[in-house]
Structure formats: C-alpha cells, structure tokens
Amino acid sequence: MRVNGKVALITGGAGGIGAETARVLAREGAQVVIADLADDAGAEIAAEIRATYLRHDVSSEPQWQEVVGKVAARHGKIDVLVNAAGIEGDLKNAGLETSLAEWRRVMAVNLDGTFLGCRTVLPKMLEKGAGSIVNISSIVSFFATPTALSYGASKAAVEQLTRSIAQLGGADDGKRVRCNSVHPGVIKTRMTDNILSEFAKLSGVSPEQAEAAVNANILFKCRGQPSDVASLILFLASDESAYITGSAFQVDGGWHLVSAG
C-alpha cells in the first residue's frame, strides 16, 4: 500500500499509460479519479478499480476548475496529479506540411493541458504543504522530430515546464510539492499502434515489418508495456521519492542509447 490514503487525479486515465497508472495506484491504496473524454472506457476502468470517472477536456481552463473543484469537494485534497492526456497529431502532415491549426490542436492537449493542470492543482497542494505532480512527456523530447514537429515540440516543452513547476513547488517555508517528468519510449498503447500503422502505410510495408524496423532501434528489441511506465509513476507518486523533484526519467528500453530518433 505504497500510496495508501492519497488522492490521485489522472488525466488521460481511460487508456494506455493513464489507465494502467490508475490501476496501479488504486491497487496500492490511492483513491483514484480518472479524467478523460472517453466516457465508456473511463467509466469501465473506474468501475473495475472502484474509482471516480469525470469527463474532462484538458485544454479547457473552465473544465479544469470544475474537475479540481469536484475532487476537492469529494475528497478534501489532491495528493497526486498525473498529467497523462496526450495526442500524437496528424502523422500524414506532421513535418513542414503541419498547419497552424494542427500545431495548435496538438499543443492544446499536450502542453496547454499540462500547464493548466499544474497551474490549477499546484496552489491546492501548496495549501496542504505537499504533493506530487507527474507530467508525461516523451523520449522524443530529447531528439529531433522532423516528421512530427508539433508532437516533439509539445513534449519537449512539457519537460521544461516541469522544471519550472518544480521550482515553484519547492517553497522556502518548508512546503514541498514535487514535480517530475516521465519520458516513455515506444510503449504498446493505442497511440503507438496508430503510429506504427501509419508508418507502415507511408513506407509501403506490412505492420509487422514496421514494428520490426522500430524495434531494431531499441536496445531491448521490443516495445515496452504500460505497466513499465506505471511502476515508475507509482514511485514518483509515493513518499519513496520524497527528495526527488525537477527530474526527467526515461522509460524507453535503452532506445536513447541506440538511436538519436
């Protein structure tokens, strides 16, 4: 029960890394609130782990105020915020063909949503004197992404935002709100399934060949599992990481050692 009694709000909690994180935190004693736009999946996972599901568009400032207000009213606090909501964007036109509208769409979810979450929840945590914010970035924040401009830029910005929030959370009066970023590599989720499928179409190869080509650039030669990332998030949400803040954690099976993207 490594997070027993903690209240955890997880955006993007209806699928992929967010859903597995919800399961892991609930199993370890947290009261979990899943926030997402996928009503059916969100409600199903909430029922599975006895959590609360709230419909939430992370790019909407008023909805952030509403969701945080509901969590505070029900539980009286928020100990853990996991900003896991994210989109990959339109991969067919993700280079110089990226439109301003598409750029803004990706930024609205990946960056604005993370910023709004931190800005809305951090003051609540500071009032209590403690808390942990975990922002999900990406391993590509360390690489050039010429064929995914908006996605790469949004995730790199999340890493920088994390460092700034960490400084704001480490108050001089002894209050300690930690903020760290997690950088998954190629994890087996709906998002990477879509990316591999699109890669296969654009390259004129089979999905199996596309996955083999990607895996060849990973030291462990395979995609990771959502549980690989959720286990790290559990550590950062727990008091075991009480002296860690402003750090970036790579969960990529050694991809960064083999490939520069």
C-alpha atoms as a PDB file:
ATOM      1  CA  MET A   1       0.000   0.000   0.000  1.00  0.00           C
ATOM      2  CA  ARG A   2       2.618   2.467  -1.145  1.00  0.00           C
ATOM      3  CA  VAL A   3       0.191   5.360  -1.725  1.00  0.00           C
ATOM      4  CA  ASN A   4      -2.393   4.412   0.869  1.00  0.00           C
ATOM      5  CA  GLY A   5      -4.794   7.268   1.629  1.00  0.00           C
ATOM      6  CA  LYS A   6      -3.539   9.519  -1.166  1.00  0.00           C
ATOM      7  CA  VAL A   7      -5.960  11.097  -3.635  1.00  0.00           C
ATOM      8  CA  ALA A   8      -4.722  10.851  -7.235  1.00  0.00           C
ATOM      9  CA  LEU A   9      -6.143  12.702 -10.247  1.00  0.00           C
ATOM     10  CA  ILE A  10      -5.112  11.129 -13.563  1.00  0.00           C
ATOM     11  CA  THR A  11      -5.846  12.802 -16.887  1.00  0.00           C
ATOM     12  CA  GLY A  12      -5.981  10.544 -19.916  1.00  0.00           C
ATOM     13  CA  GLY A  13      -6.867   7.831 -17.437  1.00  0.00           C
ATOM     14  CA  ALA A  14      -9.162   5.903 -19.784  1.00  0.00           C
ATOM     15  CA  GLY A  15      -6.473   4.283 -21.883  1.00  0.00           C
ATOM     16  CA  GLY A  16      -2.833   3.324 -22.316  1.00  0.00           C
ATOM     17  CA  ILE A  17      -0.397   4.581 -19.718  1.00  0.00           C
ATOM     18  CA  GLY A  18      -3.058   6.578 -17.869  1.00  0.00           C
ATOM     19  CA  ALA A  19      -5.344   3.584 -17.393  1.00  0.00           C
ATOM     20  CA  GLU A  20      -2.545   1.332 -16.167  1.00  0.00           C
ATOM     21  CA  THR A  21      -1.396   4.048 -13.791  1.00  0.00           C
ATOM     22  CA  ALA A  22      -4.932   4.282 -12.414  1.00  0.00           C
ATOM     23  CA  ARG A  23      -4.960   0.531 -11.797  1.00  0.00           C
ATOM     24  CA  VAL A  24      -1.543   0.516 -10.121  1.00  0.00           C
ATOM     25  CA  LEU A  25      -2.243   3.484  -7.844  1.00  0.00           C
ATOM     26  CA  ALA A  26      -5.631   2.076  -6.851  1.00  0.00           C
ATOM     27  CA  ARG A  27      -4.067  -1.306  -6.087  1.00  0.00           C
ATOM     28  CA  GLU A  28      -1.520   0.445  -3.861  1.00  0.00           C
ATOM     29  CA  GLY A  29      -4.190   2.214  -1.806  1.00  0.00           C
ATOM     30  CA  ALA A  30      -4.888   5.517  -3.563  1.00  0.00           C
ATOM     31  CA  GLN A  31      -8.332   6.988  -4.107  1.00  0.00           C
ATOM     32  CA  VAL A  32      -8.214   7.483  -7.872  1.00  0.00           C
ATOM     33  CA  VAL A  33     -10.081   9.982 -10.027  1.00  0.00           C
ATOM     34  CA  ILE A  34      -9.939   9.277 -13.773  1.00  0.00           C
ATOM     35  CA  ALA A  35     -10.375  12.298 -16.037  1.00  0.00           C
ATOM     36  CA  ASP A  36     -10.852  11.732 -19.763  1.00  0.00           C
ATOM     37  CA  LEU A  37     -13.107  12.294 -22.763  1.00  0.00           C
ATOM     38  CA  ALA A  38     -13.609   8.580 -23.437  1.00  0.00           C
ATOM     39  CA  ASP A  39     -16.773   8.087 -21.412  1.00  0.00           C
ATOM     40  CA  ASP A  40     -17.304   4.357 -21.987  1.00  0.00           C
ATOM     41  CA  ALA A  41     -13.685   3.340 -21.349  1.00  0.00           C
ATOM     42  CA  GLY A  42     -13.322   5.751 -18.451  1.00  0.00           C
ATOM     43  CA  ALA A  43     -16.450   4.521 -16.718  1.00  0.00           C
ATOM     44  CA  GLU A  44     -15.428   0.887 -17.301  1.00  0.00           C
ATOM     45  CA  ILE A  45     -11.994   1.319 -15.745  1.00  0.00           C
ATOM     46  CA  ALA A  46     -13.440   3.369 -12.878  1.00  0.00           C
ATOM     47  CA  ALA A  47     -15.867   0.531 -12.112  1.00  0.00           C
ATOM     48  CA  GLU A  48     -13.079  -2.043 -12.354  1.00  0.00           C
ATOM     49  CA  ILE A  49     -10.885  -0.326  -9.743  1.00  0.00           C
ATOM     50  CA  ARG A  50     -13.632   1.394  -7.737  1.00  0.00           C
ATOM     51  CA  ALA A  51     -12.507   4.842  -8.813  1.00  0.00           C
ATOM     52  CA  THR A  52     -14.339   8.001  -9.876  1.00  0.00           C
ATOM     53  CA  TYR A  53     -14.668   8.994 -13.530  1.00  0.00           C
ATOM     54  CA  LEU A  54     -15.054  12.630 -14.609  1.00  0.00           C
ATOM     55  CA  ARG A  55     -15.436  13.779 -18.195  1.00  0.00           C
ATOM     56  CA  HIS A  56     -12.690  16.303 -18.838  1.00  0.00           C
ATOM     57  CA  ASP A  57     -11.220  18.223 -21.778  1.00  0.00           C
ATOM     58  CA  VAL A  58      -7.741  19.124 -20.512  1.00  0.00           C
ATOM     59  CA  SER A  59      -7.427  22.030 -22.959  1.00  0.00           C
ATOM     60  CA  SER A  60     -10.350  23.824 -21.267  1.00  0.00           C
ATOM     61  CA  GLU A  61      -9.498  26.106 -18.355  1.00  0.00           C
ATOM     62  CA  PRO A  62     -13.093  26.201 -17.020  1.00  0.00           C
ATOM     63  CA  GLN A  63     -13.216  22.399 -17.039  1.00  0.00           C
ATOM     64  CA  TRP A  64     -10.007  22.229 -15.036  1.00  0.00           C
ATOM     65  CA  GLN A  65     -11.579  24.473 -12.399  1.00  0.00           C
ATOM     66  CA  GLU A  66     -14.694  22.309 -12.403  1.00  0.00           C
ATOM     67  CA  VAL A  67     -12.868  18.976 -12.138  1.00  0.00           C
ATOM     68  CA  VAL A  68     -10.473  20.115  -9.418  1.00  0.00           C
ATOM     69  CA  GLY A  69     -13.397  21.630  -7.531  1.00  0.00           C
ATOM     70  CA  LYS A  70     -15.293  18.344  -7.655  1.00  0.00           C
ATOM     71  CA  VAL A  71     -12.280  16.337  -6.473  1.00  0.00           C
ATOM     72  CA  ALA A  72     -11.623  18.771  -3.634  1.00  0.00           C
ATOM     73  CA  ALA A  73     -15.283  18.740  -2.601  1.00  0.00           C
ATOM     74  CA  ARG A  74     -15.420  14.948  -2.544  1.00  0.00           C
ATOM     75  CA  HIS A  75     -12.007  14.113  -1.099  1.00  0.00           C
ATOM     76  CA  GLY A  76     -10.846  17.341   0.514  1.00  0.00           C
ATOM     77  CA  LYS A  77      -7.440  17.244  -1.171  1.00  0.00           C
ATOM     78  CA  ILE A  78      -5.345  16.190  -4.163  1.00  0.00           C
ATOM     79  CA  ASP A  79      -2.064  14.488  -3.304  1.00  0.00           C
ATOM     80  CA  VAL A  80      -1.061  13.297  -6.765  1.00  0.00           C
ATOM     81  CA  LEU A  81      -1.645  14.743 -10.239  1.00  0.00           C
ATOM     82  CA  VAL A  82      -0.638  12.679 -13.266  1.00  0.00           C
ATOM     83  CA  ASN A  83      -0.874  14.663 -16.498  1.00  0.00           C
ATOM     84  CA  ALA A  84      -1.091  11.721 -18.909  1.00  0.00           C
ATOM     85  CA  ALA A  85      -3.545  13.065 -21.514  1.00  0.00           C
ATOM     86  CA  GLY A  86      -1.891  13.390 -24.913  1.00  0.00           C
ATOM     87  CA  ILE A  87      -2.354  13.048 -28.677  1.00  0.00           C
ATOM     88  CA  GLU A  88       0.087  12.245 -31.462  1.00  0.00           C
ATOM     89  CA  GLY A  89      -1.477  14.523 -34.067  1.00  0.00           C
ATOM     90  CA  ASP A  90      -1.898  14.018 -37.815  1.00  0.00           C
ATOM     91  CA  LEU A  91       1.066  11.901 -38.888  1.00  0.00           C
ATOM     92  CA  LYS A  92       0.367  12.311 -42.591  1.00  0.00           C
ATOM     93  CA  ASN A  93       1.198  16.018 -42.438  1.00  0.00           C
ATOM     94  CA  ALA A  94       3.475  16.269 -39.439  1.00  0.00           C
ATOM     95  CA  GLY A  95       6.582  17.864 -40.972  1.00  0.00           C
ATOM     96  CA  LEU A  96       6.753  21.217 -42.731  1.00  0.00           C
ATOM     97  CA  GLU A  97       3.248  20.494 -44.004  1.00  0.00           C
ATOM     98  CA  THR A  98       1.944  20.927 -40.438  1.00  0.00           C
ATOM     99  CA  SER A  99      -0.798  23.533 -40.468  1.00  0.00           C
ATOM    100  CA  LEU A 100      -1.109  26.156 -37.774  1.00  0.00           C
ATOM    101  CA  ALA A 101      -4.456  24.664 -36.813  1.00  0.00           C
ATOM    102  CA  GLU A 102      -2.897  21.214 -36.353  1.00  0.00           C
ATOM    103  CA  TRP A 103       0.041  22.685 -34.414  1.00  0.00           C
ATOM    104  CA  ARG A 104      -2.376  24.426 -32.052  1.00  0.00           C
ATOM    105  CA  ARG A 105      -4.530  21.294 -31.692  1.00  0.00           C
ATOM    106  CA  VAL A 106      -1.590  19.186 -30.510  1.00  0.00           C
ATOM    107  CA  MET A 107      -0.240  21.948 -28.266  1.00  0.00           C
ATOM    108  CA  ALA A 108      -3.684  22.478 -26.719  1.00  0.00           C
ATOM    109  CA  VAL A 109      -3.794  18.928 -25.365  1.00  0.00           C
ATOM    110  CA  ASN A 110      -0.151  18.042 -24.773  1.00  0.00           C
ATOM    111  CA  LEU A 111       1.201  21.355 -23.493  1.00  0.00           C
ATOM    112  CA  ASP A 112      -1.720  23.606 -22.575  1.00  0.00           C
ATOM    113  CA  GLY A 113      -3.442  20.717 -20.798  1.00  0.00           C
ATOM    114  CA  THR A 114      -0.338  20.010 -18.731  1.00  0.00           C
ATOM    115  CA  PHE A 115       0.157  23.704 -17.938  1.00  0.00           C
ATOM    116  CA  LEU A 116      -3.470  24.148 -16.886  1.00  0.00           C
ATOM    117  CA  GLY A 117      -3.291  21.055 -14.705  1.00  0.00           C
ATOM    118  CA  CYS A 118      -0.162  22.258 -12.934  1.00  0.00           C
ATOM    119  CA  ARG A 119      -1.473  25.802 -12.545  1.00  0.00           C
ATOM    120  CA  THR A 120      -4.825  24.660 -11.149  1.00  0.00           C
ATOM    121  CA  VAL A 121      -3.615  21.922  -8.813  1.00  0.00           C
ATOM    122  CA  LEU A 122      -0.294  23.313  -7.530  1.00  0.00           C
ATOM    123  CA  PRO A 123      -1.915  26.003  -5.314  1.00  0.00           C
ATOM    124  CA  LYS A 124      -4.152  23.329  -3.741  1.00  0.00           C
ATOM    125  CA  MET A 125      -1.099  21.211  -2.977  1.00  0.00           C
ATOM    126  CA  LEU A 126       0.818  24.176  -1.569  1.00  0.00           C
ATOM    127  CA  GLU A 127      -2.084  24.935   0.763  1.00  0.00           C
ATOM    128  CA  LYS A 128      -1.694  21.415   2.150  1.00  0.00           C
ATOM    129  CA  GLY A 129       2.090  21.669   2.117  1.00  0.00           C
ATOM    130  CA  ALA A 130       2.876  18.611  -0.002  1.00  0.00           C
ATOM    131  CA  GLY A 131       2.073  16.798  -3.218  1.00  0.00           C
ATOM    132  CA  SER A 132       3.483  15.142  -6.306  1.00  0.00           C
ATOM    133  CA  ILE A 133       2.888  16.156  -9.926  1.00  0.00           C
ATOM    134  CA  VAL A 134       3.984  13.744 -12.653  1.00  0.00           C
ATOM    135  CA  ASN A 135       3.970  15.074 -16.207  1.00  0.00           C
ATOM    136  CA  ILE A 136       4.105  12.575 -19.061  1.00  0.00           C
ATOM    137  CA  SER A 137       6.486  13.817 -21.731  1.00  0.00           C
ATOM    138  CA  SER A 138       8.182  11.529 -24.284  1.00  0.00           C
ATOM    139  CA  ILE A 139      11.602  10.175 -25.106  1.00  0.00           C
ATOM    140  CA  VAL A 140      11.400  12.195 -28.339  1.00  0.00           C
ATOM    141  CA  SER A 141      11.757  15.378 -26.282  1.00  0.00           C
ATOM    142  CA  PHE A 142      15.493  14.599 -26.373  1.00  0.00           C
ATOM    143  CA  PHE A 143      15.583  14.024 -30.160  1.00  0.00           C
ATOM    144  CA  ALA A 144      14.910  15.994 -33.314  1.00  0.00           C
ATOM    145  CA  THR A 145      11.453  15.119 -34.694  1.00  0.00           C
ATOM    146  CA  PRO A 146      11.397  16.495 -38.249  1.00  0.00           C
ATOM    147  CA  THR A 147       8.437  14.292 -39.191  1.00  0.00           C
ATOM    148  CA  ALA A 148       6.455  15.088 -36.033  1.00  0.00           C
ATOM    149  CA  LEU A 149       7.115  18.758 -35.384  1.00  0.00           C
ATOM    150  CA  SER A 150       4.162  19.609 -33.166  1.00  0.00           C
ATOM    151  CA  TYR A 151       4.328  16.418 -31.099  1.00  0.00           C
ATOM    152  CA  GLY A 152       8.068  16.668 -30.449  1.00  0.00           C
ATOM    153  CA  ALA A 153       7.925  20.361 -29.599  1.00  0.00           C
ATOM    154  CA  SER A 154       4.975  19.884 -27.253  1.00  0.00           C
ATOM    155  CA  LYS A 155       6.690  17.096 -25.332  1.00  0.00           C
ATOM    156  CA  ALA A 156       9.992  18.974 -25.075  1.00  0.00           C
ATOM    157  CA  ALA A 157       8.077  21.952 -23.680  1.00  0.00           C
ATOM    158  CA  VAL A 158       6.482  19.690 -21.056  1.00  0.00           C
ATOM    159  CA  GLU A 159       9.951  18.789 -19.777  1.00  0.00           C
ATOM    160  CA  GLN A 160      10.919  22.467 -19.415  1.00  0.00           C
ATOM    161  CA  LEU A 161       7.588  23.318 -17.797  1.00  0.00           C
ATOM    162  CA  THR A 162       8.183  20.531 -15.289  1.00  0.00           C
ATOM    163  CA  ARG A 163      11.445  22.069 -14.112  1.00  0.00           C
ATOM    164  CA  SER A 164       9.785  25.448 -13.613  1.00  0.00           C
ATOM    165  CA  ILE A 165       6.845  23.984 -11.706  1.00  0.00           C
ATOM    166  CA  ALA A 166       9.310  22.079  -9.527  1.00  0.00           C
ATOM    167  CA  GLN A 167      10.945  25.355  -8.520  1.00  0.00           C
ATOM    168  CA  LEU A 168       7.581  26.945  -7.775  1.00  0.00           C
ATOM    169  CA  GLY A 169       6.651  23.943  -5.631  1.00  0.00           C
ATOM    170  CA  GLY A 170       9.789  23.927  -3.505  1.00  0.00           C
ATOM    171  CA  ALA A 171       8.778  26.790  -1.243  1.00  0.00           C
ATOM    172  CA  ASP A 172      11.101  28.325   1.382  1.00  0.00           C
ATOM    173  CA  ASP A 173       8.586  27.802   4.184  1.00  0.00           C
ATOM    174  CA  GLY A 174       9.044  24.059   4.217  1.00  0.00           C
ATOM    175  CA  LYS A 175       6.236  23.202   1.830  1.00  0.00           C
ATOM    176  CA  ARG A 176       7.269  20.545  -0.642  1.00  0.00           C
ATOM    177  CA  VAL A 177       5.331  19.934  -3.848  1.00  0.00           C
ATOM    178  CA  ARG A 178       7.412  17.833  -6.188  1.00  0.00           C
ATOM    179  CA  CYS A 179       7.139  17.829  -9.980  1.00  0.00           C
ATOM    180  CA  ASN A 180       8.894  15.371 -12.271  1.00  0.00           C
ATOM    181  CA  SER A 181       8.573  14.323 -15.909  1.00  0.00           C
ATOM    182  CA  VAL A 182       8.415  10.780 -17.271  1.00  0.00           C
ATOM    183  CA  HIS A 183       9.611  10.134 -20.823  1.00  0.00           C
ATOM    184  CA  PRO A 184       8.231   6.889 -22.283  1.00  0.00           C
ATOM    185  CA  GLY A 185       9.744   5.380 -25.386  1.00  0.00           C
ATOM    186  CA  VAL A 186       7.783   3.070 -27.677  1.00  0.00           C
ATOM    187  CA  ILE A 187       5.169   1.660 -25.313  1.00  0.00           C
ATOM    188  CA  LYS A 188       2.457  -0.732 -26.511  1.00  0.00           C
ATOM    189  CA  THR A 189      -0.562   1.584 -26.438  1.00  0.00           C
ATOM    190  CA  ARG A 190      -3.277   2.674 -28.841  1.00  0.00           C
ATOM    191  CA  MET A 191      -1.148   5.697 -29.732  1.00  0.00           C
ATOM    192  CA  THR A 192       1.904   3.706 -30.792  1.00  0.00           C
ATOM    193  CA  ASP A 193      -0.336   1.181 -32.571  1.00  0.00           C
ATOM    194  CA  ASN A 194      -1.670   4.098 -34.645  1.00  0.00           C
ATOM    195  CA  ILE A 195       1.829   5.456 -35.250  1.00  0.00           C
ATOM    196  CA  LEU A 196       3.132   2.085 -36.430  1.00  0.00           C
ATOM    197  CA  SER A 197       0.092   1.554 -38.638  1.00  0.00           C
ATOM    198  CA  GLU A 198       0.588   4.951 -40.275  1.00  0.00           C
ATOM    199  CA  PHE A 199       4.325   4.336 -40.609  1.00  0.00           C
ATOM    200  CA  ALA A 200       3.591   1.064 -42.402  1.00  0.00           C
ATOM    201  CA  LYS A 201       1.194   2.738 -44.853  1.00  0.00           C
ATOM    202  CA  LEU A 202       3.573   5.597 -45.627  1.00  0.00           C
ATOM    203  CA  SER A 203       6.502   3.197 -46.062  1.00  0.00           C
ATOM    204  CA  GLY A 204       4.624   0.582 -48.107  1.00  0.00           C
ATOM    205  CA  VAL A 205       5.416  -2.251 -45.700  1.00  0.00           C
ATOM    206  CA  SER A 206       3.381  -4.567 -43.502  1.00  0.00           C
ATOM    207  CA  PRO A 207       2.608  -3.619 -39.878  1.00  0.00           C
ATOM    208  CA  GLU A 208       4.874  -6.457 -38.761  1.00  0.00           C
ATOM    209  CA  GLN A 209       7.755  -5.091 -40.838  1.00  0.00           C
ATOM    210  CA  ALA A 210       7.132  -1.603 -39.463  1.00  0.00           C
ATOM    211  CA  GLU A 211       7.277  -2.841 -35.883  1.00  0.00           C
ATOM    212  CA  ALA A 212      10.425  -4.842 -36.584  1.00  0.00           C
ATOM    213  CA  ALA A 213      12.095  -1.729 -38.008  1.00  0.00           C
ATOM    214  CA  VAL A 214      11.187   0.282 -34.909  1.00  0.00           C
ATOM    215  CA  ASN A 215      12.237  -2.482 -32.520  1.00  0.00           C
ATOM    216  CA  ALA A 216      15.639  -2.698 -34.217  1.00  0.00           C
ATOM    217  CA  ASN A 217      16.409   0.759 -32.801  1.00  0.00           C
ATOM    218  CA  ILE A 218      15.511  -0.238 -29.232  1.00  0.00           C
ATOM    219  CA  LEU A 219      18.200  -1.818 -27.084  1.00  0.00           C
ATOM    220  CA  PHE A 220      15.714  -4.353 -25.658  1.00  0.00           C
ATOM    221  CA  LYS A 221      14.327  -5.027 -29.193  1.00  0.00           C
ATOM    222  CA  CYS A 222      10.660  -4.690 -28.244  1.00  0.00           C
ATOM    223  CA  ARG A 223       8.014  -2.191 -27.227  1.00  0.00           C
ATOM    224  CA  GLY A 224       7.531  -1.601 -23.542  1.00  0.00           C
ATOM    225  CA  GLN A 225       4.317  -2.220 -21.624  1.00  0.00           C
ATOM    226  CA  PRO A 226       2.163   0.457 -19.922  1.00  0.00           C
ATOM    227  CA  SER A 227       2.997  -1.233 -16.620  1.00  0.00           C
ATOM    228  CA  ASP A 228       6.672  -0.377 -17.153  1.00  0.00           C
ATOM    229  CA  VAL A 229       5.756   3.309 -17.057  1.00  0.00           C
ATOM    230  CA  ALA A 230       3.077   2.999 -14.385  1.00  0.00           C
ATOM    231  CA  SER A 231       5.568   1.419 -11.980  1.00  0.00           C
ATOM    232  CA  LEU A 232       7.794   4.481 -12.231  1.00  0.00           C
ATOM    233  CA  ILE A 233       4.833   6.823 -11.786  1.00  0.00           C
ATOM    234  CA  LEU A 234       3.885   4.906  -8.642  1.00  0.00           C
ATOM    235  CA  PHE A 235       7.369   5.519  -7.253  1.00  0.00           C
ATOM    236  CA  LEU A 236       7.148   9.245  -8.030  1.00  0.00           C
ATOM    237  CA  ALA A 237       3.661   9.466  -6.518  1.00  0.00           C
ATOM    238  CA  SER A 238       4.760   7.740  -3.320  1.00  0.00           C
ATOM    239  CA  ASP A 239       6.764   9.102  -0.398  1.00  0.00           C
ATOM    240  CA  GLU A 240       9.648   6.886  -1.523  1.00  0.00           C
ATOM    241  CA  SER A 241      10.647   9.693  -3.914  1.00  0.00           C
ATOM    242  CA  ALA A 242      10.288  12.464  -1.317  1.00  0.00           C
ATOM    243  CA  TYR A 243      13.662  14.043  -2.191  1.00  0.00           C
ATOM    244  CA  ILE A 244      13.245  13.962  -5.975  1.00  0.00           C
ATOM    245  CA  THR A 245      11.927  16.915  -7.970  1.00  0.00           C
ATOM    246  CA  GLY A 246      12.576  18.608 -11.306  1.00  0.00           C
ATOM    247  CA  SER A 247      13.954  15.382 -12.775  1.00  0.00           C
ATOM    248  CA  ALA A 248      13.337  13.683 -16.127  1.00  0.00           C
ATOM    249  CA  PHE A 249      13.008   9.890 -16.152  1.00  0.00           C
ATOM    250  CA  GLN A 250      13.471   7.841 -19.338  1.00  0.00           C
ATOM    251  CA  VAL A 251      11.483   4.621 -19.744  1.00  0.00           C
ATOM    252  CA  ASP A 252      12.480   3.502 -23.228  1.00  0.00           C
ATOM    253  CA  GLY A 253      14.246   0.125 -23.114  1.00  0.00           C
ATOM    254  CA  GLY A 254      17.511   1.856 -23.979  1.00  0.00           C
ATOM    255  CA  TRP A 255      16.228   3.474 -27.185  1.00  0.00           C
ATOM    256  CA  HIS A 256      18.118   6.707 -26.453  1.00  0.00           C
ATOM    257  CA  LEU A 257      21.364   4.696 -26.344  1.00  0.00           C
ATOM    258  CA  VAL A 258      20.892   3.208 -29.805  1.00  0.00           C
ATOM    259  CA  SER A 259      19.101   5.853 -31.823  1.00  0.00           C
ATOM    260  CA  ALA A 260      19.065   9.620 -31.999  1.00  0.00           C
ATOM    261  CA  GLY A 261      15.475   9.456 -33.223  1.00  0.00           C
END
